[in-house]
Amino acid sequence: MDKQCPSLKRDGNRCLGRVPEGCYYCWVHDPANSDKRRQAASKGGKGNRAKLSKNLHARLDDLIEQVVGGELEPYPASIVGQLLKVKISLMELERKIKETEELESRVEELTEAVATMEKEERRRGA
């Protein structure tokens, strides 16, 4: 019979995950799965970023053609270029925030794993 995972979630509540036979943690908290979790998390949203990047390239190419072709005055094109630069900066900020959150999550997982191992060692030594 599966038992409940001993790990705590970010909100401080106990994990409700079930631990498979022969394991100590649920799949999410098992340190053996950390690489698999990281790989899955790193794949999230990458398709959207690539699509957005292609759209930005296309938009910039259109602006260049419009300015060179005389369809758009340089000043309005310059403003649009500045706004696109702001959008790119925002994308970079979002990427950094996501990386920071992933690192915080990994540190939290490691901290929980060490704390659990220490408790287990104290329990065995007592």
C-alpha atoms as a PDB file:
ATOM      1  CA  MET A   1       0.000   0.000   0.000  1.00  0.00           C
ATOM      2  CA  ASP A   2       1.300   3.468  -0.872  1.00  0.00           C
ATOM      3  CA  LYS A   3       2.049   5.866   1.958  1.00  0.00           C
ATOM      4  CA  GLN A   4       1.866   9.676   1.997  1.00  0.00           C
ATOM      5  CA  CYS A   5       4.967  11.646   0.989  1.00  0.00           C
ATOM      6  CA  PRO A   6       6.783  13.155   4.015  1.00  0.00           C
ATOM      7  CA  SER A   7       7.827  16.322   2.134  1.00  0.00           C
ATOM      8  CA  LEU A   8       6.413  19.776   2.713  1.00  0.00           C
ATOM      9  CA  LYS A   9       5.074  21.891  -0.133  1.00  0.00           C
ATOM     10  CA  ARG A  10       6.064  25.539  -0.699  1.00  0.00           C
ATOM     11  CA  ASP A  11       3.063  26.717   1.303  1.00  0.00           C
ATOM     12  CA  GLY A  12       4.242  24.675   4.312  1.00  0.00           C
ATOM     13  CA  ASN A  13       1.519  22.033   4.036  1.00  0.00           C
ATOM     14  CA  ARG A  14       2.416  18.401   3.783  1.00  0.00           C
ATOM     15  CA  CYS A  15       2.591  16.900   0.315  1.00  0.00           C
ATOM     16  CA  LEU A  16      -0.455  14.808  -0.533  1.00  0.00           C
ATOM     17  CA  GLY A  17       1.442  12.690  -3.050  1.00  0.00           C
ATOM     18  CA  ARG A  18       1.533   8.940  -2.631  1.00  0.00           C
ATOM     19  CA  VAL A  19       4.842   7.128  -2.293  1.00  0.00           C
ATOM     20  CA  PRO A  20       5.221   4.010  -4.439  1.00  0.00           C
ATOM     21  CA  GLU A  21       6.255   0.747  -2.811  1.00  0.00           C
ATOM     22  CA  GLY A  22       9.970   0.689  -2.038  1.00  0.00           C
ATOM     23  CA  CYS A  23      10.383   4.474  -2.235  1.00  0.00           C
ATOM     24  CA  TYR A  24      10.566   7.165   0.438  1.00  0.00           C
ATOM     25  CA  TYR A  25       9.162  10.138  -1.551  1.00  0.00           C
ATOM     26  CA  CYS A  26       6.490  10.705  -4.166  1.00  0.00           C
ATOM     27  CA  TRP A  27       7.720  11.182  -7.754  1.00  0.00           C
ATOM     28  CA  VAL A  28       7.699  14.993  -7.451  1.00  0.00           C
ATOM     29  CA  HIS A  29       9.868  15.100  -4.313  1.00  0.00           C
ATOM     30  CA  ASP A  30      12.121  12.127  -5.027  1.00  0.00           C
ATOM     31  CA  PRO A  31      15.673  13.479  -5.515  1.00  0.00           C
ATOM     32  CA  ALA A  32      16.256  10.714  -8.058  1.00  0.00           C
ATOM     33  CA  ASN A  33      13.762  12.454 -10.366  1.00  0.00           C
ATOM     34  CA  SER A  34      15.239  15.961 -10.088  1.00  0.00           C
ATOM     35  CA  ASP A  35      16.875  15.830 -13.543  1.00  0.00           C
ATOM     36  CA  LYS A  36      13.655  14.613 -15.152  1.00  0.00           C
ATOM     37  CA  ARG A  37      11.648  17.379 -13.417  1.00  0.00           C
ATOM     38  CA  ARG A  38      14.191  20.012 -14.502  1.00  0.00           C
ATOM     39  CA  GLN A  39      14.092  18.802 -18.111  1.00  0.00           C
ATOM     40  CA  ALA A  40      10.302  18.879 -18.158  1.00  0.00           C
ATOM     41  CA  ALA A  41      10.219  22.361 -16.615  1.00  0.00           C
ATOM     42  CA  SER A  42      12.821  23.707 -19.036  1.00  0.00           C
ATOM     43  CA  LYS A  43      10.706  22.637 -22.007  1.00  0.00           C
ATOM     44  CA  GLY A  44       7.736  24.663 -20.830  1.00  0.00           C
ATOM     45  CA  GLY A  45       7.128  27.808 -22.860  1.00  0.00           C
ATOM     46  CA  LYS A  46      10.069  27.414 -25.234  1.00  0.00           C
ATOM     47  CA  GLY A  47       7.806  26.955 -28.248  1.00  0.00           C
ATOM     48  CA  ASN A  48       6.058  30.231 -27.476  1.00  0.00           C
ATOM     49  CA  ARG A  49       9.372  32.108 -27.208  1.00  0.00           C
ATOM     50  CA  ALA A  50      10.540  30.799 -30.577  1.00  0.00           C
ATOM     51  CA  LYS A  51       7.247  31.825 -32.187  1.00  0.00           C
ATOM     52  CA  LEU A  52       7.401  35.285 -30.617  1.00  0.00           C
ATOM     53  CA  SER A  53      10.995  35.718 -31.753  1.00  0.00           C
ATOM     54  CA  LYS A  54      10.025  34.841 -35.322  1.00  0.00           C
ATOM     55  CA  ASN A  55       7.139  37.314 -35.147  1.00  0.00           C
ATOM     56  CA  LEU A  56       9.467  40.069 -33.915  1.00  0.00           C
ATOM     57  CA  HIS A  57      11.907  39.362 -36.746  1.00  0.00           C
ATOM     58  CA  ALA A  58       9.096  39.484 -39.282  1.00  0.00           C
ATOM     59  CA  ARG A  59       7.761  42.743 -37.826  1.00  0.00           C
ATOM     60  CA  LEU A  60      11.199  44.354 -37.938  1.00  0.00           C
ATOM     61  CA  ASP A  61      11.715  43.181 -41.525  1.00  0.00           C
ATOM     62  CA  ASP A  62       8.342  44.722 -42.461  1.00  0.00           C
ATOM     63  CA  LEU A  63       9.279  48.015 -40.783  1.00  0.00           C
ATOM     64  CA  ILE A  64      12.619  48.118 -42.612  1.00  0.00           C
ATOM     65  CA  GLU A  65      10.923  47.474 -45.956  1.00  0.00           C
ATOM     66  CA  GLN A  66       8.291  50.148 -45.276  1.00  0.00           C
ATOM     67  CA  VAL A  67      10.908  52.762 -44.356  1.00  0.00           C
ATOM     68  CA  VAL A  68      13.181  51.893 -47.283  1.00  0.00           C
ATOM     69  CA  GLY A  69      10.191  51.831 -49.658  1.00  0.00           C
ATOM     70  CA  GLY A  70       8.970  55.221 -48.426  1.00  0.00           C
ATOM     71  CA  GLU A  71       5.664  53.831 -47.092  1.00  0.00           C
ATOM     72  CA  LEU A  72       6.560  54.768 -43.507  1.00  0.00           C
ATOM     73  CA  GLU A  73       8.350  57.830 -42.215  1.00  0.00           C
ATOM     74  CA  PRO A  74      11.499  57.150 -40.186  1.00  0.00           C
ATOM     75  CA  TYR A  75      10.169  58.816 -37.012  1.00  0.00           C
ATOM     76  CA  PRO A  76       7.108  56.532 -36.549  1.00  0.00           C
ATOM     77  CA  ALA A  77       9.285  53.539 -37.471  1.00  0.00           C
ATOM     78  CA  SER A  78      11.782  54.639 -34.831  1.00  0.00           C
ATOM     79  CA  ILE A  79       9.033  54.731 -32.180  1.00  0.00           C
ATOM     80  CA  VAL A  80       7.848  51.248 -33.171  1.00  0.00           C
ATOM     81  CA  GLY A  81      11.456  50.031 -32.998  1.00  0.00           C
ATOM     82  CA  GLN A  82      11.778  51.433 -29.482  1.00  0.00           C
ATOM     83  CA  LEU A  83       8.566  49.714 -28.426  1.00  0.00           C
ATOM     84  CA  LEU A  84       9.817  46.432 -29.865  1.00  0.00           C
ATOM     85  CA  LYS A  85      13.025  46.888 -27.869  1.00  0.00           C
ATOM     86  CA  VAL A  86      10.940  47.366 -24.708  1.00  0.00           C
ATOM     87  CA  LYS A  87       9.074  44.151 -25.525  1.00  0.00           C
ATOM     88  CA  ILE A  88      12.351  42.279 -25.969  1.00  0.00           C
ATOM     89  CA  SER A  89      13.598  43.659 -22.626  1.00  0.00           C
ATOM     90  CA  LEU A  90      10.390  42.465 -20.993  1.00  0.00           C
ATOM     91  CA  MET A  91      10.876  38.994 -22.495  1.00  0.00           C
ATOM     92  CA  GLU A  92      14.418  38.922 -21.089  1.00  0.00           C
ATOM     93  CA  LEU A  93      13.137  39.951 -17.651  1.00  0.00           C
ATOM     94  CA  GLU A  94      10.501  37.207 -17.769  1.00  0.00           C
ATOM     95  CA  ARG A  95      13.181  34.663 -18.718  1.00  0.00           C
ATOM     96  CA  LYS A  96      15.356  35.740 -15.792  1.00  0.00           C
ATOM     97  CA  ILE A  97      12.411  35.551 -13.389  1.00  0.00           C
ATOM     98  CA  LYS A  98      11.593  32.031 -14.620  1.00  0.00           C
ATOM     99  CA  GLU A  99      15.230  30.944 -14.220  1.00  0.00           C
ATOM    100  CA  THR A 100      15.306  32.400 -10.704  1.00  0.00           C
ATOM    101  CA  GLU A 101      12.084  30.604  -9.780  1.00  0.00           C
ATOM    102  CA  GLU A 102      13.482  27.324 -11.121  1.00  0.00           C
ATOM    103  CA  LEU A 103      16.696  27.785  -9.123  1.00  0.00           C
ATOM    104  CA  GLU A 104      14.715  28.648  -5.985  1.00  0.00           C
ATOM    105  CA  SER A 105      12.640  25.516  -6.487  1.00  0.00           C
ATOM    106  CA  ARG A 106      15.758  23.370  -6.895  1.00  0.00           C
ATOM    107  CA  VAL A 107      17.331  24.869  -3.746  1.00  0.00           C
ATOM    108  CA  GLU A 108      14.077  24.255  -1.884  1.00  0.00           C
ATOM    109  CA  GLU A 109      14.004  20.624  -3.044  1.00  0.00           C
ATOM    110  CA  LEU A 110      17.593  20.093  -1.947  1.00  0.00           C
ATOM    111  CA  THR A 111      16.968  21.786   1.399  1.00  0.00           C
ATOM    112  CA  GLU A 112      13.920  19.577   1.981  1.00  0.00           C
ATOM    113  CA  ALA A 113      15.862  16.471   1.005  1.00  0.00           C
ATOM    114  CA  VAL A 114      18.744  17.317   3.369  1.00  0.00           C
ATOM    115  CA  ALA A 115      16.338  18.093   6.216  1.00  0.00           C
ATOM    116  CA  THR A 116      14.516  14.813   5.665  1.00  0.00           C
ATOM    117  CA  MET A 117      17.786  12.885   5.541  1.00  0.00           C
ATOM    118  CA  GLU A 118      18.970  14.564   8.762  1.00  0.00           C
ATOM    119  CA  LYS A 119      15.686  13.703  10.504  1.00  0.00           C
ATOM    120  CA  GLU A 120      16.024  10.131   9.302  1.00  0.00           C
ATOM    121  CA  GLU A 121      19.617   9.942  10.573  1.00  0.00           C
ATOM    122  CA  ARG A 122      18.599  11.376  13.971  1.00  0.00           C
ATOM    123  CA  ARG A 123      15.714   8.924  14.186  1.00  0.00           C
ATOM    124  CA  ARG A 124      17.995   5.998  13.394  1.00  0.00           C
ATOM    125  CA  GLY A 125      20.688   7.216  15.793  1.00  0.00           C
ATOM    126  CA  ALA A 126      18.239   7.747  18.666  1.00  0.00           C
END
